[in-house]
Amino acid sequence: MKDSIKIGIAGATGYIGLELIKILIKHPKTKIIYLCAQKSLGKKIHKFDKKIKKKNLPKISHISNINWNKIDVIFAALPNGEARKLAFLKPNSVKLIDLSADFRLDSLVSYKKWYGGNFKSHKLLKKAIYSITEFKRDKLSKYNIISCPGCYPTSIQIPLIPLLKNKMINSKNIIIDSKSGYSGAGKNLKKKFKFKNLYDSVSAYGVGSHRHMAEIDQELSLASKTKINVQFTPHLIPMFRGILSTIYVELSPNITAKKVYNFLKLIHKNNKFVRIKKFNAPIGTGDVMNTNFCDITVCNDRSKNKAK
């Protein structure tokens, strides 16, 4: 194994790019070789975020200046549609880890419906794997493009996929109420959300039309081997970061909430970043803020055949 993985980041000055840098500079096995952007070429990255204090980071450069032989991985922290262009540009020897939605959907028709544009390359999709690491860790080395899941889908799939695969819940009656801080909107927050009193109120948005619904339905359907259309409502709440997803499920015959809880504890016992908290205990975003953890609990419902 190499002493360190050499990395380039495309879209380094955006919100996601800056957060990625903060994570990677703490990792003992990574070395950032290129920080790429369209503007501010030649500037130091700490000008965009004072929390990035590491001194030996490269200055911002254009992606056309990358010597591909010097890196192992390129991260795409770019708007939807741009990672596909990068996938054509890079050599096969360099892995692409995409943080946008470009490779999340396995149907070109579905991508066009939810994100617009024309994604014409079936070959690129075949090179890509959609991955929540806890479920596909052993497959990642076989693929040239790794598609990272969206924020809401991550919070939803980590608890639900094991339950659906093992038929512990009814796949036809899943209700999801998710609440997110406004950091998910990135730098263009006020353009995306034109609500009054954004920082002092709670607002539902994307009701019945949020793009992440396609991704959630796709992956849960694959897990259950049956078509799933979840009821999903996202909310924007007046905090900067974090997600809390409350998921209401109907239990299969002879399954109790406590059995679901014990099963999730067993499934995730070796997944370092998934923490199963106490049964029937409240959890909140304050326990995972600025970490890579996903906390999960299972609670009884007044109806014996339901849980949350």
Foldseek 3Di string as FASTA:
>chain_A
DDQAFEEEEEPCLWLVNVLVVVVQVPDRRYDYDAYEYPDPFPAQNCVSPVVPDDDPHDGYDHPVPDPLVRGAEYEYPDEAPVVLVVVVVHDLNHAYEYAYCNQLDLDQVLCCVQPNDGDDDNPQNVLEDEDPCLVCVPPVVVHRYYYYADDVLVLVCLLQLVCLLVVFFDQEAKEKEKEWEQCSVIPCSCVVDVDPPLQNDKAKPCQVRDSCQNSNQVSSCVSNVHGHRYRYIYMYYNDHGDMDMDMKTFGDPPHFLVNSLVVSCVSCVPPVQEAEDDEQDDDDRVVQPPHSHRYDYKYHDPDGRMID
